[in-house]
Amino acid sequence: MTRIAFLDVDGTIAEHGSTIAPSTVTAIRRARANGHLVWLCTGRADGDIHPDVRAIGFDGAISNAGAYATSGDELIVEHPMPRADVAAIETYFEAHGIHYFLQTHEAVFASPGIEPMMREYVRERLAKRAAEIAARGLDGEPTTSIPRARPLAEVDRGRVAKAVFISPVADTVAHAGAELGERFHVIPGSIPLPGGSNGEIGLAGVTKGSAILEVLEHLGLDRAEAIGIGDSWNDVEMFQVVGTPVAMGNAPVELQRLAGRVTTAVLDDGVHNAFAELGLL
């Protein structure tokens, strides 16, 4: 029986950059060789997925936390925000002095204040991760999950899928949700910051889960045969719609409880162990 697995990227396939456990590559390629389908299911923009992740080989990709999905060269899910909603989000950020990224299908665009704010944090994190990667004997570039961004002035606001913010205030996720209202889906982000808060804002109802249902309908597959593996808060809706949700060992405890099934951590053969247990290998 053909099964389909949807895999988050940061914290699931790669350790918030391009460091990938060799067993993850082996597992994905073997599962596909065995006739199963493996899809990316990431919060990143399609154009911001690291080439080393792409090189593993996948049957399709859900990106921007469900706003877009592609199968080969075909765009099968496309839900950009209306311009008025983008304007409402940017107005909120500017009113509260919050730095942010806007994501389209093709790229990520950064507000002017992000680069200087993040420079020291990036330097410290890269040094720490390089030492950890070397200690494990793994290959890969020690990077963070901060997107490779273009200037905000270049963005087409008719193509924006979601926003990612970085705030010095700890409660911005809750505050943004309350102030922006029910039209928006505001959740904690996955950029590991030393302080403050990080979050994602998309349209309510546009999630990884909604995109998975569209993909399954397009492919003529049953959700009972779908597997979803992830570690972040934008994976909640994925867990809710697939037949077999799996949380990574490095996921927050609350997400592990929500999934019910837990594998090992991202660099401890998490994807491989999940695939093996589920019979894909």
C-alpha atoms as a PDB file:
ATOM      1  CA  MET A   1       0.000   0.000   0.000  1.00  0.00           C
ATOM      2  CA  THR A   2       1.381   3.385  -1.019  1.00  0.00           C
ATOM      3  CA  ARG A   3       1.701   5.852   1.847  1.00  0.00           C
ATOM      4  CA  ILE A   4       2.530   9.551   1.736  1.00  0.00           C
ATOM      5  CA  ALA A   5       4.764  11.262   4.303  1.00  0.00           C
ATOM      6  CA  PHE A   6       4.817  15.018   4.854  1.00  0.00           C
ATOM      7  CA  LEU A   7       8.062  16.241   6.452  1.00  0.00           C
ATOM      8  CA  ASP A   8       8.779  19.563   8.081  1.00  0.00           C
ATOM      9  CA  VAL A   9      12.252  20.947   7.278  1.00  0.00           C
ATOM     10  CA  ASP A  10      13.828  22.932  10.131  1.00  0.00           C
ATOM     11  CA  GLY A  11      14.150  20.734  13.181  1.00  0.00           C
ATOM     12  CA  THR A  12      12.930  17.649  11.282  1.00  0.00           C
ATOM     13  CA  ILE A  13      15.017  17.117   8.143  1.00  0.00           C
ATOM     14  CA  ALA A  14      17.719  19.660   8.946  1.00  0.00           C
ATOM     15  CA  GLU A  15      18.930  21.139  12.202  1.00  0.00           C
ATOM     16  CA  HIS A  16      17.856  24.745  11.543  1.00  0.00           C
ATOM     17  CA  GLY A  17      20.225  25.160   8.626  1.00  0.00           C
ATOM     18  CA  SER A  18      21.720  22.565   6.314  1.00  0.00           C
ATOM     19  CA  THR A  19      23.076  19.982   8.760  1.00  0.00           C
ATOM     20  CA  ILE A  20      21.272  16.747   7.881  1.00  0.00           C
ATOM     21  CA  ALA A  21      21.769  13.345   9.492  1.00  0.00           C
ATOM     22  CA  PRO A  22      22.934  10.911   6.770  1.00  0.00           C
ATOM     23  CA  SER A  23      20.267   8.430   7.875  1.00  0.00           C
ATOM     24  CA  THR A  24      17.580  10.994   7.000  1.00  0.00           C
ATOM     25  CA  VAL A  25      18.731  11.125   3.381  1.00  0.00           C
ATOM     26  CA  THR A  26      18.890   7.328   3.213  1.00  0.00           C
ATOM     27  CA  ALA A  27      15.427   6.923   4.717  1.00  0.00           C
ATOM     28  CA  ILE A  28      13.723   9.384   2.368  1.00  0.00           C
ATOM     29  CA  ARG A  29      15.329   7.901  -0.737  1.00  0.00           C
ATOM     30  CA  ARG A  30      14.620   4.315   0.335  1.00  0.00           C
ATOM     31  CA  ALA A  31      10.984   5.073   1.146  1.00  0.00           C
ATOM     32  CA  ARG A  32      10.510   6.604  -2.302  1.00  0.00           C
ATOM     33  CA  ALA A  33      12.275   3.659  -3.945  1.00  0.00           C
ATOM     34  CA  ASN A  34       9.802   1.401  -2.123  1.00  0.00           C
ATOM     35  CA  GLY A  35       6.921   3.207  -3.835  1.00  0.00           C
ATOM     36  CA  HIS A  36       5.925   5.654  -1.088  1.00  0.00           C
ATOM     37  CA  LEU A  37       5.570   9.413  -1.603  1.00  0.00           C
ATOM     38  CA  VAL A  38       7.558  11.923   0.454  1.00  0.00           C
ATOM     39  CA  TRP A  39       6.637  15.607   0.445  1.00  0.00           C
ATOM     40  CA  LEU A  40       8.249  18.605   2.065  1.00  0.00           C
ATOM     41  CA  CYS A  41       5.868  20.488   4.364  1.00  0.00           C
ATOM     42  CA  THR A  42       7.615  23.612   5.572  1.00  0.00           C
ATOM     43  CA  GLY A  43       6.973  27.103   6.849  1.00  0.00           C
ATOM     44  CA  ARG A  44       9.761  28.386   4.640  1.00  0.00           C
ATOM     45  CA  ALA A  45       9.176  30.073   1.298  1.00  0.00           C
ATOM     46  CA  ASP A  46       9.674  27.683  -1.596  1.00  0.00           C
ATOM     47  CA  GLY A  47      12.598  29.801  -2.780  1.00  0.00           C
ATOM     48  CA  ASP A  48      14.214  29.655   0.675  1.00  0.00           C
ATOM     49  CA  ILE A  49      14.428  25.852   0.969  1.00  0.00           C
ATOM     50  CA  HIS A  50      18.121  24.984   1.257  1.00  0.00           C
ATOM     51  CA  PRO A  51      19.626  23.317  -1.846  1.00  0.00           C
ATOM     52  CA  ASP A  52      20.997  20.475   0.301  1.00  0.00           C
ATOM     53  CA  VAL A  53      17.439  19.658   1.375  1.00  0.00           C
ATOM     54  CA  ARG A  54      16.163  19.859  -2.203  1.00  0.00           C
ATOM     55  CA  ALA A  55      18.948  17.534  -3.351  1.00  0.00           C
ATOM     56  CA  ILE A  56      17.572  14.657  -1.256  1.00  0.00           C
ATOM     57  CA  GLY A  57      14.670  14.315  -3.694  1.00  0.00           C
ATOM     58  CA  PHE A  58      10.958  14.721  -2.978  1.00  0.00           C
ATOM     59  CA  ASP A  59       7.650  14.169  -4.743  1.00  0.00           C
ATOM     60  CA  GLY A  60       6.352  17.654  -3.998  1.00  0.00           C
ATOM     61  CA  ALA A  61       6.522  20.549  -1.562  1.00  0.00           C
ATOM     62  CA  ILE A  62       4.081  22.427   0.644  1.00  0.00           C
ATOM     63  CA  SER A  63       5.647  25.770   1.557  1.00  0.00           C
ATOM     64  CA  ASN A  64       4.836  28.952   3.456  1.00  0.00           C
ATOM     65  CA  ALA A  65       3.029  26.884   6.121  1.00  0.00           C
ATOM     66  CA  GLY A  66       0.347  25.832   3.657  1.00  0.00           C
ATOM     67  CA  ALA A  67      -0.156  28.884   1.464  1.00  0.00           C
ATOM     68  CA  TYR A  68       1.513  27.242  -1.538  1.00  0.00           C
ATOM     69  CA  ALA A  69       2.216  23.721  -2.787  1.00  0.00           C
ATOM     70  CA  THR A  70       3.927  22.428  -5.907  1.00  0.00           C
ATOM     71  CA  SER A  71       4.008  19.040  -7.598  1.00  0.00           C
ATOM     72  CA  GLY A  72       6.809  19.062 -10.138  1.00  0.00           C
ATOM     73  CA  ASP A  73       6.386  22.325 -12.046  1.00  0.00           C
ATOM     74  CA  GLU A  74       2.669  22.538 -11.224  1.00  0.00           C
ATOM     75  CA  LEU A  75       1.436  24.962  -8.574  1.00  0.00           C
ATOM     76  CA  ILE A  76      -1.494  23.093  -7.011  1.00  0.00           C
ATOM     77  CA  VAL A  77      -2.121  25.234  -3.895  1.00  0.00           C
ATOM     78  CA  GLU A  78      -2.030  29.026  -4.007  1.00  0.00           C
ATOM     79  CA  HIS A  79      -3.478  31.181  -1.228  1.00  0.00           C
ATOM     80  CA  PRO A  80      -1.709  34.557  -1.015  1.00  0.00           C
ATOM     81  CA  MET A  81      -3.002  37.166   1.426  1.00  0.00           C
ATOM     82  CA  PRO A  82      -5.187  40.003   0.196  1.00  0.00           C
ATOM     83  CA  ARG A  83      -3.220  43.253   0.082  1.00  0.00           C
ATOM     84  CA  ALA A  84      -5.417  44.786   2.797  1.00  0.00           C
ATOM     85  CA  ASP A  85      -4.430  42.006   5.201  1.00  0.00           C
ATOM     86  CA  VAL A  86      -0.746  42.478   4.436  1.00  0.00           C
ATOM     87  CA  ALA A  87      -1.204  46.190   5.126  1.00  0.00           C
ATOM     88  CA  ALA A  88      -2.911  45.452   8.469  1.00  0.00           C
ATOM     89  CA  ILE A  89      -0.010  43.236   9.569  1.00  0.00           C
ATOM     90  CA  GLU A  90       2.636  45.754   8.535  1.00  0.00           C
ATOM     91  CA  THR A  91       0.746  48.558  10.260  1.00  0.00           C
ATOM     92  CA  TYR A  92       0.754  46.509  13.466  1.00  0.00           C
ATOM     93  CA  PHE A  93       4.508  45.808  13.206  1.00  0.00           C
ATOM     94  CA  GLU A  94       5.372  49.423  12.515  1.00  0.00           C
ATOM     95  CA  ALA A  95       3.162  50.707  15.340  1.00  0.00           C
ATOM     96  CA  HIS A  96       4.982  48.481  17.834  1.00  0.00           C
ATOM     97  CA  GLY A  97       8.523  48.735  16.460  1.00  0.00           C
ATOM     98  CA  ILE A  98       8.684  45.053  15.454  1.00  0.00           C
ATOM     99  CA  HIS A  99      11.111  43.786  12.804  1.00  0.00           C
ATOM    100  CA  TYR A 100       9.732  41.309  10.303  1.00  0.00           C
ATOM    101  CA  PHE A 101       9.997  39.230   7.144  1.00  0.00           C
ATOM    102  CA  LEU A 102       7.348  38.941   4.424  1.00  0.00           C
ATOM    103  CA  GLN A 103       7.334  35.673   2.483  1.00  0.00           C
ATOM    104  CA  THR A 104       6.129  35.025  -1.050  1.00  0.00           C
ATOM    105  CA  HIS A 105       6.294  31.719  -2.881  1.00  0.00           C
ATOM    106  CA  GLU A 106       9.576  32.743  -4.462  1.00  0.00           C
ATOM    107  CA  ALA A 107      11.510  34.573  -1.746  1.00  0.00           C
ATOM    108  CA  VAL A 108      11.741  36.218   1.676  1.00  0.00           C
ATOM    109  CA  PHE A 109      11.890  39.991   2.198  1.00  0.00           C
ATOM    110  CA  ALA A 110      13.284  41.662   5.331  1.00  0.00           C
ATOM    111  CA  SER A 111      12.398  44.921   7.059  1.00  0.00           C
ATOM    112  CA  PRO A 112      15.415  47.253   7.388  1.00  0.00           C
ATOM    113  CA  GLY A 113      16.078  46.672  11.094  1.00  0.00           C
ATOM    114  CA  ILE A 114      16.464  42.907  11.131  1.00  0.00           C
ATOM    115  CA  GLU A 115      20.036  42.515   9.918  1.00  0.00           C
ATOM    116  CA  PRO A 116      21.759  44.685  12.555  1.00  0.00           C
ATOM    117  CA  MET A 117      19.509  43.278  15.287  1.00  0.00           C
ATOM    118  CA  MET A 118      20.351  39.671  14.443  1.00  0.00           C
ATOM    119  CA  ARG A 119      24.066  39.971  13.610  1.00  0.00           C
ATOM    120  CA  GLU A 120      25.457  39.240  17.079  1.00  0.00           C
ATOM    121  CA  TYR A 121      22.934  36.495  17.745  1.00  0.00           C
ATOM    122  CA  VAL A 122      23.855  34.783  14.478  1.00  0.00           C
ATOM    123  CA  ARG A 123      27.578  34.955  15.271  1.00  0.00           C
ATOM    124  CA  GLU A 124      27.112  33.345  18.678  1.00  0.00           C
ATOM    125  CA  ARG A 125      24.773  30.632  17.415  1.00  0.00           C
ATOM    126  CA  LEU A 126      27.000  29.668  14.492  1.00  0.00           C
ATOM    127  CA  ALA A 127      30.006  29.215  16.749  1.00  0.00           C
ATOM    128  CA  LYS A 128      28.010  26.996  19.110  1.00  0.00           C
ATOM    129  CA  ARG A 129      26.466  24.898  16.339  1.00  0.00           C
ATOM    130  CA  ALA A 130      29.777  24.429  14.517  1.00  0.00           C
ATOM    131  CA  ALA A 131      31.258  22.873  17.658  1.00  0.00           C
ATOM    132  CA  GLU A 132      28.240  20.568  18.113  1.00  0.00           C
ATOM    133  CA  ILE A 133      28.280  19.478  14.471  1.00  0.00           C
ATOM    134  CA  ALA A 134      32.004  18.720  14.588  1.00  0.00           C
ATOM    135  CA  ALA A 135      31.553  16.699  17.792  1.00  0.00           C
ATOM    136  CA  ARG A 136      28.952  14.510  16.029  1.00  0.00           C
ATOM    137  CA  GLY A 137      31.168  14.011  12.970  1.00  0.00           C
ATOM    138  CA  LEU A 138      28.485  15.364  10.648  1.00  0.00           C
ATOM    139  CA  ASP A 139      28.866  17.348   7.446  1.00  0.00           C
ATOM    140  CA  GLY A 140      26.909  20.509   6.777  1.00  0.00           C
ATOM    141  CA  GLU A 141      26.948  24.247   7.011  1.00  0.00           C
ATOM    142  CA  PRO A 142      26.214  25.512  10.554  1.00  0.00           C
ATOM    143  CA  THR A 143      23.496  28.034   9.770  1.00  0.00           C
ATOM    144  CA  THR A 144      20.426  29.303  11.569  1.00  0.00           C
ATOM    145  CA  SER A 145      16.812  29.191  10.444  1.00  0.00           C
ATOM    146  CA  ILE A 146      16.914  32.913   9.641  1.00  0.00           C
ATOM    147  CA  PRO A 147      15.933  33.236   5.980  1.00  0.00           C
ATOM    148  CA  ARG A 148      18.211  34.441   3.194  1.00  0.00           C
ATOM    149  CA  ALA A 149      16.307  37.664   2.586  1.00  0.00           C
ATOM    150  CA  ARG A 150      15.935  40.398   0.000  1.00  0.00           C
ATOM    151  CA  PRO A 151      15.079  44.062   0.786  1.00  0.00           C
ATOM    152  CA  LEU A 152      11.471  44.709   1.756  1.00  0.00           C
ATOM    153  CA  ALA A 153      11.214  47.353  -0.968  1.00  0.00           C
ATOM    154  CA  GLU A 154      11.318  44.585  -3.596  1.00  0.00           C
ATOM    155  CA  VAL A 155       8.307  42.587  -2.356  1.00  0.00           C
ATOM    156  CA  ASP A 156       5.123  42.189  -4.406  1.00  0.00           C
ATOM    157  CA  ARG A 157       2.460  42.553  -1.717  1.00  0.00           C
ATOM    158  CA  GLY A 158      -0.025  40.780  -3.928  1.00  0.00           C
ATOM    159  CA  ARG A 159       2.023  37.574  -3.543  1.00  0.00           C
ATOM    160  CA  VAL A 160       2.654  37.587   0.236  1.00  0.00           C
ATOM    161  CA  ALA A 161       1.869  34.276   1.942  1.00  0.00           C
ATOM    162  CA  LYS A 162       2.785  34.991   5.549  1.00  0.00           C
ATOM    163  CA  ALA A 163       4.834  37.191   7.868  1.00  0.00           C
ATOM    164  CA  VAL A 164       7.492  36.211  10.393  1.00  0.00           C
ATOM    165  CA  PHE A 165       8.349  38.631  13.188  1.00  0.00           C
ATOM    166  CA  ILE A 166      11.141  39.017  15.711  1.00  0.00           C
ATOM    167  CA  SER A 167      10.245  41.089  18.749  1.00  0.00           C
ATOM    168  CA  PRO A 168      12.196  42.147  21.847  1.00  0.00           C
ATOM    169  CA  VAL A 169       8.983  41.690  23.876  1.00  0.00           C
ATOM    170  CA  ALA A 170       8.200  38.206  25.219  1.00  0.00           C
ATOM    171  CA  ASP A 171       4.401  38.292  24.773  1.00  0.00           C
ATOM    172  CA  THR A 172       4.147  39.545  21.178  1.00  0.00           C
ATOM    173  CA  VAL A 173       2.533  36.326  19.888  1.00  0.00           C
ATOM    174  CA  ALA A 174      -0.418  36.724  22.256  1.00  0.00           C
ATOM    175  CA  HIS A 175      -0.589  40.499  21.787  1.00  0.00           C
ATOM    176  CA  ALA A 176      -0.539  40.279  17.983  1.00  0.00           C
ATOM    177  CA  GLY A 177      -3.244  37.624  18.010  1.00  0.00           C
ATOM    178  CA  ALA A 178      -5.489  39.754  20.206  1.00  0.00           C
ATOM    179  CA  GLU A 179      -4.944  42.987  18.292  1.00  0.00           C
ATOM    180  CA  LEU A 180      -5.102  41.615  14.742  1.00  0.00           C
ATOM    181  CA  GLY A 181      -8.156  39.470  15.395  1.00  0.00           C
ATOM    182  CA  GLU A 182      -9.649  36.195  14.210  1.00  0.00           C
ATOM    183  CA  ARG A 183      -8.914  36.752  10.526  1.00  0.00           C
ATOM    184  CA  PHE A 184      -5.283  35.888  11.225  1.00  0.00           C
ATOM    185  CA  HIS A 185      -3.478  32.777  12.438  1.00  0.00           C
ATOM    186  CA  VAL A 186      -0.744  33.870  14.883  1.00  0.00           C
ATOM    187  CA  ILE A 187       1.564  31.206  16.346  1.00  0.00           C
ATOM    188  CA  PRO A 188       5.035  30.960  17.919  1.00  0.00           C
ATOM    189  CA  GLY A 189       7.846  30.712  15.374  1.00  0.00           C
ATOM    190  CA  SER A 190      10.804  28.361  15.240  1.00  0.00           C
ATOM    191  CA  ILE A 191      13.765  30.770  15.158  1.00  0.00           C
ATOM    192  CA  PRO A 192      15.657  29.932  18.373  1.00  0.00           C
ATOM    193  CA  LEU A 193      16.210  33.336  19.948  1.00  0.00           C
ATOM    194  CA  PRO A 194      18.077  34.110  23.200  1.00  0.00           C
ATOM    195  CA  GLY A 195      15.237  36.402  24.331  1.00  0.00           C
ATOM    196  CA  GLY A 196      12.108  38.245  23.230  1.00  0.00           C
ATOM    197  CA  SER A 197       9.713  36.383  20.951  1.00  0.00           C
ATOM    198  CA  ASN A 198       9.388  35.133  17.411  1.00  0.00           C
ATOM    199  CA  GLY A 199       6.174  34.280  15.607  1.00  0.00           C
ATOM    200  CA  GLU A 200       4.375  33.656  12.337  1.00  0.00           C
ATOM    201  CA  ILE A 201       1.242  35.341  11.011  1.00  0.00           C
ATOM    202  CA  GLY A 202      -0.850  33.901   8.217  1.00  0.00           C
ATOM    203  CA  LEU A 203      -4.482  33.883   7.217  1.00  0.00           C
ATOM    204  CA  ALA A 204      -6.826  31.897   9.437  1.00  0.00           C
ATOM    205  CA  GLY A 205      -7.617  28.591   7.772  1.00  0.00           C
ATOM    206  CA  VAL A 206      -4.455  28.568   5.663  1.00  0.00           C
ATOM    207  CA  THR A 207      -2.213  26.033   7.376  1.00  0.00           C
ATOM    208  CA  LYS A 208      -0.091  22.995   6.652  1.00  0.00           C
ATOM    209  CA  GLY A 209      -3.166  20.942   7.457  1.00  0.00           C
ATOM    210  CA  SER A 210      -5.389  22.698   4.919  1.00  0.00           C
ATOM    211  CA  ALA A 211      -2.705  22.325   2.234  1.00  0.00           C
ATOM    212  CA  ILE A 212      -2.265  18.615   3.005  1.00  0.00           C
ATOM    213  CA  LEU A 213      -5.987  18.059   2.471  1.00  0.00           C
ATOM    214  CA  GLU A 214      -5.787  19.854  -0.889  1.00  0.00           C
ATOM    215  CA  VAL A 215      -2.740  17.806  -1.922  1.00  0.00           C
ATOM    216  CA  LEU A 216      -4.397  14.525  -0.920  1.00  0.00           C
ATOM    217  CA  GLU A 217      -7.500  15.422  -2.914  1.00  0.00           C
ATOM    218  CA  HIS A 218      -5.340  16.337  -5.917  1.00  0.00           C
ATOM    219  CA  LEU A 219      -3.487  13.002  -5.703  1.00  0.00           C
ATOM    220  CA  GLY A 220      -6.590  10.944  -4.913  1.00  0.00           C
ATOM    221  CA  LEU A 221      -5.130   9.647  -1.638  1.00  0.00           C
ATOM    222  CA  ASP A 222      -6.789   8.915   1.706  1.00  0.00           C
ATOM    223  CA  ARG A 223      -5.705  10.946   4.731  1.00  0.00           C
ATOM    224  CA  ALA A 224      -5.643   7.712   6.756  1.00  0.00           C
ATOM    225  CA  GLU A 225      -2.531   6.708   4.791  1.00  0.00           C
ATOM    226  CA  ALA A 226      -0.811  10.067   5.362  1.00  0.00           C
ATOM    227  CA  ILE A 227       2.072  10.545   7.805  1.00  0.00           C
ATOM    228  CA  GLY A 228       3.104  13.946   9.169  1.00  0.00           C
ATOM    229  CA  ILE A 229       6.415  14.496  10.952  1.00  0.00           C
ATOM    230  CA  GLY A 230       7.341  17.818  12.553  1.00  0.00           C
ATOM    231  CA  ASP A 231       8.599  19.718  15.568  1.00  0.00           C
ATOM    232  CA  SER A 232       7.074  23.213  15.488  1.00  0.00           C
ATOM    233  CA  TRP A 233       3.823  24.982  16.280  1.00  0.00           C
ATOM    234  CA  ASN A 234       2.977  25.354  12.594  1.00  0.00           C
ATOM    235  CA  ASP A 235       2.835  21.530  12.502  1.00  0.00           C
ATOM    236  CA  VAL A 236      -0.221  21.346  14.792  1.00  0.00           C
ATOM    237  CA  GLU A 237      -2.751  21.375  11.950  1.00  0.00           C
ATOM    238  CA  MET A 238      -0.665  18.813  10.054  1.00  0.00           C
ATOM    239  CA  PHE A 239      -0.884  16.497  13.054  1.00  0.00           C
ATOM    240  CA  GLN A 240      -4.653  17.006  13.128  1.00  0.00           C
ATOM    241  CA  VAL A 241      -5.357  15.929   9.531  1.00  0.00           C
ATOM    242  CA  VAL A 242      -2.972  13.004   8.902  1.00  0.00           C
ATOM    243  CA  GLY A 243      -3.644   9.438   9.918  1.00  0.00           C
ATOM    244  CA  THR A 244      -0.246   9.087  11.590  1.00  0.00           C
ATOM    245  CA  PRO A 245       1.198  12.207  13.271  1.00  0.00           C
ATOM    246  CA  VAL A 246       4.779  11.960  14.572  1.00  0.00           C
ATOM    247  CA  ALA A 247       6.600  14.551  16.694  1.00  0.00           C
ATOM    248  CA  MET A 248      10.362  14.834  16.665  1.00  0.00           C
ATOM    249  CA  GLY A 249      12.252  14.157  19.880  1.00  0.00           C
ATOM    250  CA  ASN A 250      13.371  17.802  19.859  1.00  0.00           C
ATOM    251  CA  ALA A 251       9.782  19.114  19.631  1.00  0.00           C
ATOM    252  CA  PRO A 252       8.221  20.901  22.621  1.00  0.00           C
ATOM    253  CA  VAL A 253       6.646  18.461  25.074  1.00  0.00           C
ATOM    254  CA  GLU A 254       3.173  19.874  24.337  1.00  0.00           C
ATOM    255  CA  LEU A 255       3.555  18.993  20.647  1.00  0.00           C
ATOM    256  CA  GLN A 256       4.814  15.527  21.483  1.00  0.00           C
ATOM    257  CA  ARG A 257       1.693  14.956  23.559  1.00  0.00           C
ATOM    258  CA  LEU A 258      -0.506  16.282  20.769  1.00  0.00           C
ATOM    259  CA  ALA A 259       1.058  13.959  18.192  1.00  0.00           C
ATOM    260  CA  GLY A 260       0.937  10.932  20.474  1.00  0.00           C
ATOM    261  CA  ARG A 261       3.798   9.235  18.600  1.00  0.00           C
ATOM    262  CA  VAL A 262       7.360  10.508  19.128  1.00  0.00           C
ATOM    263  CA  THR A 263      10.575   9.650  17.310  1.00  0.00           C
ATOM    264  CA  THR A 264      14.144  10.641  18.201  1.00  0.00           C
ATOM    265  CA  ALA A 265      15.684  14.079  17.601  1.00  0.00           C
ATOM    266  CA  VAL A 266      16.642  15.592  14.253  1.00  0.00           C
ATOM    267  CA  LEU A 267      20.339  14.636  14.382  1.00  0.00           C
ATOM    268  CA  ASP A 268      19.650  11.373  16.226  1.00  0.00           C
ATOM    269  CA  ASP A 269      18.109   9.597  13.216  1.00  0.00           C
ATOM    270  CA  GLY A 270      14.599  10.875  13.953  1.00  0.00           C
ATOM    271  CA  VAL A 271      13.193  10.616  10.423  1.00  0.00           C
ATOM    272  CA  HIS A 272      14.889   7.269   9.769  1.00  0.00           C
ATOM    273  CA  ASN A 273      13.598   5.767  13.015  1.00  0.00           C
ATOM    274  CA  ALA A 274      10.059   6.976  12.309  1.00  0.00           C
ATOM    275  CA  PHE A 275      10.098   5.573   8.762  1.00  0.00           C
ATOM    276  CA  ALA A 276      11.496   2.265   9.994  1.00  0.00           C
ATOM    277  CA  GLU A 277       8.841   1.931  12.704  1.00  0.00           C
ATOM    278  CA  LEU A 278       6.079   2.724  10.226  1.00  0.00           C
ATOM    279  CA  GLY A 279       7.287   0.152   7.701  1.00  0.00           C
ATOM    280  CA  LEU A 280       8.350   2.509   4.916  1.00  0.00           C
ATOM    281  CA  LEU A 281      11.873   1.078   4.695  1.00  0.00           C
END
